[in-house]
Amino acid sequence: MKNKIYLIAFCFFFISINFCFSQDFQNLKNINTQIWAPFTKAYETYDYSLFASIHSLNLLRVSGDGKSIKLFSEYIEGYKNRWKNNKRTQTISFRFLERIANNNYASERGIYKLTMNVNIAEEKSYYGKFHVLLKQENDIWKLIMDYDSSEMYTINEASYKAAFAIDDFEKY
């Protein structure tokens, strides 16, 4: 009888752990769909409205390189002005060092790669380390804090490649 109780307890524990991990994986999948896919599309299409839509109105934007902190309106207005008449191609991609999520909040750290003038002689890539905090607002993930830095230009292609792919959920 004692062995059956231990077996039942172990099974319950194992199922609970698997359920928790699958919950996290689903949250990460939702974050990829609701944050990182539109973030990338906004950069590639210079769509500041789409970019604004993934950020909370209570956003804090911190630039380590720029030594500045901006609120939502100032941050988005900067993108609106910067992207207004831009004709060059660009893309941005993300790889991750750490992803922690529950049903309400998430913390994600990683490396981004921003490439300007894609597929032409003037192509150039820039790298940075980021840390974002996200919150569910009306069942939609929103960025509430976005920090990045090139760490004195030490973040590079090797840093980027060493981080984990956006869909490599097994690492978390």
Protein backbone atom coordinates (compact mmCIF):
# COMPACT_ATOMS: atom_id res chain seq x y z
CA MET A 1 0.00 0.00 0.00
CA LYS A 2 2.82 2.39 0.92
CA ASN A 3 4.50 1.76 -2.46
CA LYS A 4 1.26 2.57 -4.30
CA ILE A 5 1.00 5.90 -2.48
CA TYR A 6 4.61 6.73 -3.44
CA LEU A 7 3.90 5.72 -7.04
CA ILE A 8 0.76 7.87 -7.20
CA ALA A 9 2.60 10.82 -5.60
CA PHE A 10 5.48 10.42 -8.06
CA CYS A 11 3.11 10.28 -11.05
CA PHE A 12 1.24 13.35 -9.82
CA PHE A 13 4.54 15.21 -9.34
CA PHE A 14 5.79 14.18 -12.80
CA ILE A 15 2.53 15.22 -14.50
CA SER A 16 2.54 18.53 -12.61
CA ILE A 17 6.11 19.29 -13.67
CA ASN A 18 5.35 18.46 -17.31
CA PHE A 19 2.21 20.59 -17.19
CA CYS A 20 4.19 23.55 -15.82
CA PHE A 21 6.84 23.22 -18.52
CA SER A 22 4.27 22.94 -21.30
CA GLN A 23 2.58 26.04 -19.89
CA ASP A 24 5.91 27.90 -20.11
CA PHE A 25 6.47 26.65 -23.64
CA GLN A 26 3.02 27.86 -24.65
CA ASN A 27 3.73 31.26 -23.11
CA LEU A 28 7.02 31.45 -25.02
CA LYS A 29 5.25 30.49 -28.25
CA ASN A 30 2.65 33.20 -27.61
CA ILE A 31 5.40 35.73 -26.89
CA ASN A 32 7.09 34.81 -30.16
CA THR A 33 3.80 35.36 -32.02
CA GLN A 34 2.66 38.48 -30.16
CA ILE A 35 6.00 40.23 -29.60
CA TRP A 36 8.95 39.01 -31.66
CA ALA A 37 7.18 38.37 -34.99
CA PRO A 38 5.50 41.81 -35.10
CA PHE A 39 8.70 43.45 -33.76
CA THR A 40 10.62 41.99 -36.70
CA LYS A 41 7.89 42.88 -39.21
CA ALA A 42 7.71 46.46 -37.90
CA TYR A 43 11.46 46.86 -38.41
CA GLU A 44 11.38 45.38 -41.90
CA THR A 45 8.39 47.48 -43.02
CA TYR A 46 9.15 50.66 -41.03
CA ASP A 47 5.72 50.39 -39.43
CA TYR A 48 5.89 52.48 -36.26
CA SER A 49 2.17 51.82 -35.52
CA LEU A 50 2.78 48.07 -35.45
CA PHE A 51 5.90 48.69 -33.37
CA ALA A 52 3.90 50.80 -30.91
CA SER A 53 1.22 48.12 -30.60
CA ILE A 54 3.56 45.61 -28.96
CA HIS A 55 4.57 48.04 -26.22
CA SER A 56 2.64 48.88 -23.07
CA LEU A 57 1.64 52.50 -22.64
CA ASN A 58 3.58 52.21 -19.34
CA LEU A 59 6.81 51.28 -21.16
CA LEU A 60 10.23 52.17 -19.81
CA ARG A 61 12.86 52.14 -22.56
CA VAL A 62 16.47 52.12 -21.35
CA SER A 63 19.43 52.61 -23.66
CA GLY A 64 22.68 51.52 -22.04
CA ASP A 65 24.75 53.02 -24.87
CA GLY A 66 22.73 56.24 -24.92
CA LYS A 67 22.55 56.49 -21.12
CA SER A 68 18.89 57.42 -21.41
CA ILE A 69 15.47 56.38 -20.17
CA LYS A 70 12.39 57.16 -22.25
CA LEU A 71 8.68 56.68 -21.76
CA PHE A 72 6.35 55.19 -24.38
CA SER A 73 5.40 58.38 -26.26
CA GLU A 74 8.94 59.74 -26.61
CA TYR A 75 10.30 56.33 -27.63
CA ILE A 76 7.64 55.67 -30.28
CA GLU A 77 7.80 59.25 -31.60
CA GLY A 78 11.52 58.70 -32.20
CA TYR A 79 10.77 55.66 -34.36
CA LYS A 80 8.00 57.51 -36.19
CA ASN A 81 10.44 60.27 -37.15
CA ARG A 82 13.37 57.93 -37.89
CA TRP A 83 11.33 55.60 -40.09
CA LYS A 84 9.25 58.28 -41.86
CA ASN A 85 11.12 58.43 -45.17
CA ASN A 86 13.52 55.54 -44.85
CA LYS A 87 14.18 53.67 -48.07
CA ARG A 88 17.01 51.30 -47.13
CA THR A 89 16.27 47.69 -46.29
CA GLN A 90 16.75 46.39 -42.79
CA THR A 91 16.00 43.32 -40.75
CA ILE A 92 16.30 42.41 -37.10
CA SER A 93 16.54 38.99 -35.48
CA PHE A 94 16.79 37.73 -31.94
CA ARG A 95 18.56 34.91 -30.12
CA PHE A 96 18.15 34.21 -26.43
CA LEU A 97 20.27 33.66 -23.35
CA GLU A 98 17.39 33.30 -20.91
CA ARG A 99 13.61 33.16 -21.13
CA ILE A 100 11.47 33.00 -18.01
CA ALA A 101 7.69 33.20 -18.26
CA ASN A 102 4.61 32.49 -16.24
CA ASN A 103 1.02 33.27 -17.19
CA ASN A 104 1.32 37.00 -16.39
CA TYR A 105 4.93 38.13 -16.71
CA ALA A 106 8.07 37.27 -18.64
CA SER A 107 11.72 38.22 -18.53
CA GLU A 108 13.81 37.63 -21.63
CA ARG A 109 17.49 38.29 -22.20
CA GLY A 110 19.31 37.81 -25.45
CA ILE A 111 21.28 39.16 -28.37
CA TYR A 112 19.82 40.99 -31.36
CA LYS A 113 21.27 41.45 -34.81
CA LEU A 114 20.17 44.49 -36.82
CA THR A 115 21.25 44.42 -40.45
CA MET A 116 20.98 47.53 -42.58
CA ASN A 117 21.12 47.72 -46.41
CA VAL A 118 20.39 44.01 -46.71
CA ASN A 119 21.99 42.19 -49.67
CA ILE A 120 23.84 45.17 -51.09
CA ALA A 121 27.49 46.28 -50.92
CA GLU A 122 26.78 48.65 -48.01
CA GLU A 123 25.27 45.88 -45.83
CA LYS A 124 26.27 46.26 -42.19
CA SER A 125 25.15 44.43 -39.07
CA TYR A 126 24.93 45.83 -35.55
CA TYR A 127 24.60 43.77 -32.40
CA GLY A 128 23.38 44.35 -28.88
CA LYS A 129 22.40 42.58 -25.73
CA PHE A 130 18.82 43.12 -24.60
CA HIS A 131 16.71 42.48 -21.54
CA VAL A 132 12.95 42.91 -21.80
CA LEU A 133 10.16 42.52 -19.29
CA LEU A 134 6.72 41.65 -20.58
CA LYS A 135 3.28 41.66 -19.04
CA GLN A 136 -0.06 40.27 -20.13
CA GLU A 137 -2.48 43.15 -20.77
CA ASN A 138 -5.98 41.97 -21.70
CA ASP A 139 -4.56 38.54 -22.59
CA ILE A 140 -1.95 40.03 -24.95
CA TRP A 141 1.77 40.19 -24.21
CA LYS A 142 3.21 43.73 -24.10
CA LEU A 143 6.71 45.04 -23.55
CA ILE A 144 6.82 46.99 -20.28
CA MET A 145 10.62 47.44 -20.09
CA ASP A 146 13.14 47.26 -22.90
CA TYR A 147 16.86 47.63 -22.20
CA ASP A 148 19.71 47.19 -24.64
CA SER A 149 23.41 47.86 -24.91
CA SER A 150 26.28 47.00 -27.21
CA GLU A 151 28.39 46.73 -24.05
CA MET A 152 31.02 49.06 -25.44
CA TYR A 153 30.71 47.36 -28.86
CA THR A 154 31.77 43.97 -27.48
CA ILE A 155 28.57 42.21 -28.60
CA ASN A 156 29.20 40.69 -32.03
CA GLU A 157 28.36 37.86 -34.43
CA ALA A 158 30.01 35.30 -32.13
CA SER A 159 27.83 36.51 -29.22
CA TYR A 160 24.78 36.26 -31.44
CA LYS A 161 25.56 32.73 -32.64
CA ALA A 162 26.33 31.55 -29.09
CA ALA A 163 22.78 32.41 -27.94
CA PHE A 164 19.81 30.09 -28.49
CA ALA A 165 17.37 30.21 -31.39
CA ILE A 166 14.01 31.88 -30.81
CA ASP A 167 12.16 28.57 -31.13
CA ASP A 168 14.60 26.44 -29.13
CA PHE A 169 12.28 26.08 -26.13
CA GLU A 170 14.07 23.03 -24.73
CA LYS A 171 16.85 25.33 -23.43
CA TYR A 172 14.44 26.91 -20.95
